[in-house]
């Protein structure tokens, strides 16, 4: 009986850690990666436009 209680408590603790720490951290990393990607895209577009305008 004690083994079943500890199994349920461990599963609940694992779900708590998953939804409290791991998933928000992953979304935070995804948000940072998205922001870096948008900045890189803007720099690429700016360099392309400046490069094409200066060569003409």
PDB file of N, CA and C in Angstrom:
ATOM      1  N   UNK A   1       0.829  -1.201   0.000  1.00  0.00           N
ATOM      2  CA  UNK A   1       0.000   0.000   0.000  1.00  0.00           C
ATOM      3  C   UNK A   1       0.867   1.256   0.000  1.00  0.00           C
ATOM      4  N   UNK A   2       1.930   1.229   0.785  1.00  0.00           N
ATOM      5  CA  UNK A   2       2.831   2.377   0.835  1.00  0.00           C
ATOM      6  C   UNK A   2       3.513   2.618  -0.508  1.00  0.00           C
ATOM      7  N   UNK A   3       3.767   1.512  -1.225  1.00  0.00           N
ATOM      8  CA  UNK A   3       4.407   1.638  -2.537  1.00  0.00           C
ATOM      9  C   UNK A   3       3.485   2.356  -3.519  1.00  0.00           C
ATOM     10  N   UNK A   4       2.208   2.053  -3.481  1.00  0.00           N
ATOM     11  CA  UNK A   4       1.241   2.693  -4.367  1.00  0.00           C
ATOM     12  C   UNK A   4       1.114   4.179  -4.033  1.00  0.00           C
ATOM     13  N   UNK A   5       1.087   4.503  -2.751  1.00  0.00           N
ATOM     14  CA  UNK A   5       0.978   5.907  -2.327  1.00  0.00           C
ATOM     15  C   UNK A   5       2.204   6.690  -2.797  1.00  0.00           C
ATOM     16  N   UNK A   6       3.400   6.092  -2.634  1.00  0.00           N
ATOM     17  CA  UNK A   6       4.617   6.775  -3.077  1.00  0.00           C
ATOM     18  C   UNK A   6       4.650   6.914  -4.598  1.00  0.00           C
ATOM     19  N   UNK A   7       4.106   5.933  -5.325  1.00  0.00           N
ATOM     20  CA  UNK A   7       4.049   6.016  -6.782  1.00  0.00           C
ATOM     21  C   UNK A   7       3.144   7.161  -7.220  1.00  0.00           C
ATOM     22  N   UNK A   8       1.988   7.284  -6.595  1.00  0.00           N
ATOM     23  CA  UNK A   8       1.061   8.364  -6.923  1.00  0.00           C
ATOM     24  C   UNK A   8       1.662   9.712  -6.542  1.00  0.00           C
ATOM     25  N   UNK A   9       2.287   9.793  -5.371  1.00  0.00           N
ATOM     26  CA  UNK A   9       2.909  11.048  -4.945  1.00  0.00           C
ATOM     27  C   UNK A   9       4.050  11.431  -5.888  1.00  0.00           C
ATOM     28  N   UNK A  10       4.843  10.472  -6.317  1.00  0.00           N
ATOM     29  CA  UNK A  10       5.924  10.740  -7.265  1.00  0.00           C
ATOM     30  C   UNK A  10       5.406  11.209  -8.608  1.00  0.00           C
ATOM     31  N   UNK A  11       4.320  10.589  -9.083  1.00  0.00           N
ATOM     32  CA  UNK A  11       3.729  11.004 -10.352  1.00  0.00           C
ATOM     33  C   UNK A  11       3.167  12.420 -10.264  1.00  0.00           C
ATOM     34  N   UNK A  12       2.520  12.738  -9.148  1.00  0.00           N
ATOM     35  CA  UNK A  12       1.989  14.098  -8.967  1.00  0.00           C
ATOM     36  C   UNK A  12       3.114  15.117  -8.869  1.00  0.00           C
ATOM     37  N   UNK A  13       4.187  14.772  -8.186  1.00  0.00           N
ATOM     38  CA  UNK A  13       5.331  15.670  -8.082  1.00  0.00           C
ATOM     39  C   UNK A  13       5.989  15.869  -9.444  1.00  0.00           C
ATOM     40  N   UNK A  14       6.088  14.810 -10.236  1.00  0.00           N
ATOM     41  CA  UNK A  14       6.658  14.921 -11.576  1.00  0.00           C
ATOM     42  C   UNK A  14       5.804  15.829 -12.461  1.00  0.00           C
ATOM     43  N   UNK A  15       4.494  15.699 -12.386  1.00  0.00           N
ATOM     44  CA  UNK A  15       3.611  16.576 -13.162  1.00  0.00           C
ATOM     45  C   UNK A  15       3.723  18.025 -12.702  1.00  0.00           C
ATOM     46  N   UNK A  16       3.845  18.222 -11.377  1.00  0.00           N
ATOM     47  CA  UNK A  16       4.006  19.570 -10.841  1.00  0.00           C
ATOM     48  C   UNK A  16       5.285  20.222 -11.361  1.00  0.00           C
ATOM     49  N   UNK A  17       6.378  19.478 -11.332  1.00  0.00           N
ATOM     50  CA  UNK A  17       7.659  20.008 -11.826  1.00  0.00           C
ATOM     51  C   UNK A  17       7.575  20.270 -13.321  1.00  0.00           C
ATOM     52  N   UNK A  18       6.938  19.368 -14.055  1.00  0.00           N
ATOM     53  CA  UNK A  18       6.814  19.538 -15.507  1.00  0.00           C
ATOM     54  C   UNK A  18       6.068  20.815 -15.851  1.00  0.00           C
ATOM     55  N   UNK A  19       4.908  21.019 -15.248  1.00  0.00           N
ATOM     56  CA  UNK A  19       4.076  22.169 -15.605  1.00  0.00           C
ATOM     57  C   UNK A  19       4.527  23.461 -14.939  1.00  0.00           C
ATOM     58  N   UNK A  20       5.302  23.380 -13.855  1.00  0.00           N
ATOM     59  CA  UNK A  20       5.729  24.589 -13.157  1.00  0.00           C
ATOM     60  C   UNK A  20       7.066  25.107 -13.665  1.00  0.00           C
ATOM     61  N   UNK A  21       7.996  24.209 -13.997  1.00  0.00           N
ATOM     62  CA  UNK A  21       9.352  24.635 -14.336  1.00  0.00           C
ATOM     63  C   UNK A  21       9.730  24.353 -15.786  1.00  0.00           C
ATOM     64  N   UNK A  22       9.490  23.147 -16.266  1.00  0.00           N
ATOM     65  CA  UNK A  22      10.052  22.727 -17.552  1.00  0.00           C
ATOM     66  C   UNK A  22       9.323  23.363 -18.727  1.00  0.00           C
ATOM     67  N   UNK A  23       7.996  23.303 -18.753  1.00  0.00           N
ATOM     68  CA  UNK A  23       7.247  23.862 -19.886  1.00  0.00           C
ATOM     69  C   UNK A  23       7.416  25.377 -19.979  1.00  0.00           C
ATOM     70  N   UNK A  24       7.320  26.156 -18.898  1.00  0.00           N
ATOM     71  CA  UNK A  24       7.586  27.603 -19.032  1.00  0.00           C
ATOM     72  C   UNK A  24       9.015  27.913 -19.477  1.00  0.00           C
ATOM     73  N   UNK A  25       9.987  27.117 -19.048  1.00  0.00           N
ATOM     74  CA  UNK A  25      11.365  27.342 -19.479  1.00  0.00           C
ATOM     75  C   UNK A  25      11.501  27.093 -20.976  1.00  0.00           C
ATOM     76  N   UNK A  26      10.849  26.056 -21.482  1.00  0.00           N
ATOM     77  CA  UNK A  26      10.901  25.776 -22.919  1.00  0.00           C
ATOM     78  C   UNK A  26      10.239  26.892 -23.723  1.00  0.00           C
ATOM     79  N   UNK A  27       9.096  27.397 -23.230  1.00  0.00           N
ATOM     80  CA  UNK A  27       8.452  28.503 -23.937  1.00  0.00           C
ATOM     81  C   UNK A  27       9.312  29.764 -23.881  1.00  0.00           C
ATOM     82  N   UNK A  28      10.023  29.984 -22.781  1.00  0.00           N
ATOM     83  CA  UNK A  28      10.927  31.127 -22.689  1.00  0.00           C
ATOM     84  C   UNK A  28      12.064  31.018 -23.684  1.00  0.00           C
ATOM     85  N   UNK A  29      12.648  29.822 -23.800  1.00  0.00           N
ATOM     86  CA  UNK A  29      13.714  29.620 -24.777  1.00  0.00           C
ATOM     87  C   UNK A  29      13.198  29.785 -26.197  1.00  0.00           C
ATOM     88  N   UNK A  30      11.992  29.298 -26.464  1.00  0.00           N
ATOM     89  CA  UNK A  30      11.402  29.444 -27.792  1.00  0.00           C
ATOM     90  C   UNK A  30      11.165  30.910 -28.121  1.00  0.00           C
ATOM     91  N   UNK A  31      10.724  31.679 -27.137  1.00  0.00           N
ATOM     92  CA  UNK A  31      10.485  33.107 -27.351  1.00  0.00           C
ATOM     93  C   UNK A  31      11.793  33.835 -27.644  1.00  0.00           C
ATOM     94  N   UNK A  32      12.845  33.507 -26.904  1.00  0.00           N
ATOM     95  CA  UNK A  32      14.154  34.135 -27.152  1.00  0.00           C
ATOM     96  C   UNK A  32      14.665  33.767 -28.541  1.00  0.00           C
ATOM     97  N   UNK A  33      14.526  32.507 -28.933  1.00  0.00           N
ATOM     98  CA  UNK A  33      14.966  32.080 -30.260  1.00  0.00           C
ATOM     99  C   UNK A  33      14.172  32.790 -31.349  1.00  0.00           C
ATOM    100  N   UNK A  34      12.883  32.980 -31.135  1.00  0.00           N
ATOM    101  CA  UNK A  34      12.052  33.680 -32.112  1.00  0.00           C
ATOM    102  C   UNK A  34      12.476  35.140 -32.244  1.00  0.00           C
ATOM    103  N   UNK A  35      12.773  35.798 -31.133  1.00  0.00           N
ATOM    104  CA  UNK A  35      13.205  37.192 -31.173  1.00  0.00           C
ATOM    105  C   UNK A  35      14.546  37.310 -31.904  1.00  0.00           C
ATOM    106  N   UNK A  36      15.482  36.407 -31.612  1.00  0.00           N
ATOM    107  CA  UNK A  36      16.779  36.426 -32.289  1.00  0.00           C
ATOM    108  C   UNK A  36      16.600  36.180 -33.788  1.00  0.00           C
ATOM    109  N   UNK A  37      15.709  35.277 -34.147  1.00  0.00           N
ATOM    110  CA  UNK A  37      15.441  34.995 -35.562  1.00  0.00           C
ATOM    111  C   UNK A  37      14.862  36.195 -36.287  1.00  0.00           C
ATOM    112  N   UNK A  38      13.944  36.913 -35.654  1.00  0.00           N
ATOM    113  CA  UNK A  38      13.349  38.102 -36.277  1.00  0.00           C
ATOM    114  C   UNK A  38      14.405  39.192 -36.451  1.00  0.00           C
ATOM    115  N   UNK A  39      15.262  39.377 -35.444  1.00  0.00           N
ATOM    116  CA  UNK A  39      16.331  40.376 -35.548  1.00  0.00           C
ATOM    117  C   UNK A  39      17.293  39.991 -36.675  1.00  0.00           C
ATOM    118  N   UNK A  40      17.652  38.720 -36.771  1.00  0.00           N
ATOM    119  CA  UNK A  40      18.542  38.260 -37.839  1.00  0.00           C
ATOM    120  C   UNK A  40      17.903  38.456 -39.207  1.00  0.00           C
ATOM    121  N   UNK A  41      16.607  38.222 -39.321  1.00  0.00           N
ATOM    122  CA  UNK A  41      15.912  38.433 -40.588  1.00  0.00           C
ATOM    123  C   UNK A  41      15.925  39.908 -40.984  1.00  0.00           C
ATOM    124  N   UNK A  42      15.694  40.804 -40.010  1.00  0.00           N
ATOM    125  CA  UNK A  42      15.723  42.237 -40.296  1.00  0.00           C
ATOM    126  C   UNK A  42      17.119  42.690 -40.723  1.00  0.00           C
ATOM    127  N   UNK A  43      18.156  42.171 -40.073  1.00  0.00           N
ATOM    128  CA  UNK A  43      19.528  42.516 -40.462  1.00  0.00           C
ATOM    129  C   UNK A  43      19.832  41.997 -41.861  1.00  0.00           C
ATOM    130  N   UNK A  44      19.399  40.789 -42.171  1.00  0.00           N
ATOM    131  CA  UNK A  44      19.614  40.222 -43.501  1.00  0.00           C
ATOM    132  C   UNK A  44      18.924  41.058 -44.573  1.00  0.00           C
ATOM    133  N   UNK A  45      17.688  41.472 -44.312  1.00  0.00           N
ATOM    134  CA  UNK A  45      16.963  42.296 -45.285  1.00  0.00           C
ATOM    135  C   UNK A  45      17.654  43.645 -45.450  1.00  0.00           C
ATOM    136  N   UNK A  46      18.103  44.248 -44.352  1.00  0.00           N
ATOM    137  CA  UNK A  46      18.778  45.550 -44.435  1.00  0.00           C
ATOM    138  C   UNK A  46      20.076  45.432 -45.229  1.00  0.00           C
ATOM    139  N   UNK A  47      20.862  44.400 -44.968  1.00  0.00           N
ATOM    140  CA  UNK A  47      22.125  44.221 -45.692  1.00  0.00           C
ATOM    141  C   UNK A  47      21.861  43.965 -47.167  1.00  0.00           C
ATOM    142  N   UNK A  48      20.844  43.196 -47.480  1.00  0.00           N
ATOM    143  CA  UNK A  48      20.512  42.920 -48.880  1.00  0.00           C
ATOM    144  C   UNK A  48      20.082  44.189 -49.597  1.00  0.00           C
ATOM    145  N   UNK A  49      19.247  44.999 -48.973  1.00  0.00           N
ATOM    146  CA  UNK A  49      18.775  46.234 -49.595  1.00  0.00           C
ATOM    147  C   UNK A  49      19.928  47.215 -49.782  1.00  0.00           C
ATOM    148  N   UNK A  50      20.765  47.374 -48.778  1.00  0.00           N
ATOM    149  CA  UNK A  50      21.916  48.283 -48.894  1.00  0.00           C
ATOM    150  C   UNK A  50      22.885  47.785 -49.939  1.00  0.00           C
ATOM    151  N   UNK A  51      23.117  46.488 -49.993  1.00  0.00           N
ATOM    152  CA  UNK A  51      24.025  45.918 -50.992  1.00  0.00           C
ATOM    153  C   UNK A  51      23.525  46.102 -52.407  1.00  0.00           C
ATOM    154  N   UNK A  52      22.255  45.939 -52.641  1.00  0.00           N
ATOM    155  CA  UNK A  52      21.699  46.110 -53.984  1.00  0.00           C
ATOM    156  C   UNK A  52      21.651  47.576 -54.386  1.00  0.00           C
ATOM    157  N   UNK A  53      21.387  48.472 -53.446  1.00  0.00           N
ATOM    158  CA  UNK A  53      21.299  49.887 -53.779  1.00  0.00           C
ATOM    159  C   UNK A  53      22.668  50.492 -54.022  1.00  0.00           C
ATOM    160  N   UNK A  54      23.702  50.006 -53.347  1.00  0.00           N
ATOM    161  CA  UNK A  54      25.037  50.580 -53.523  1.00  0.00           C
ATOM    162  C   UNK A  54      25.723  50.033 -54.785  1.00  0.00           C
ATOM    163  N   UNK A  55      25.310  48.869 -55.268  1.00  0.00           N
ATOM    164  CA  UNK A  55      25.947  48.315 -56.465  1.00  0.00           C
ATOM    165  C   UNK A  55      25.379  48.921 -57.743  1.00  0.00           C
ATOM    166  N   UNK A  56      24.249  49.577 -57.693  1.00  0.00           N
ATOM    167  CA  UNK A  56      23.654  50.152 -58.904  1.00  0.00           C
ATOM    168  C   UNK A  56      24.159  51.509 -59.210  1.00  0.00           C
TER     169      UNK A  56
END
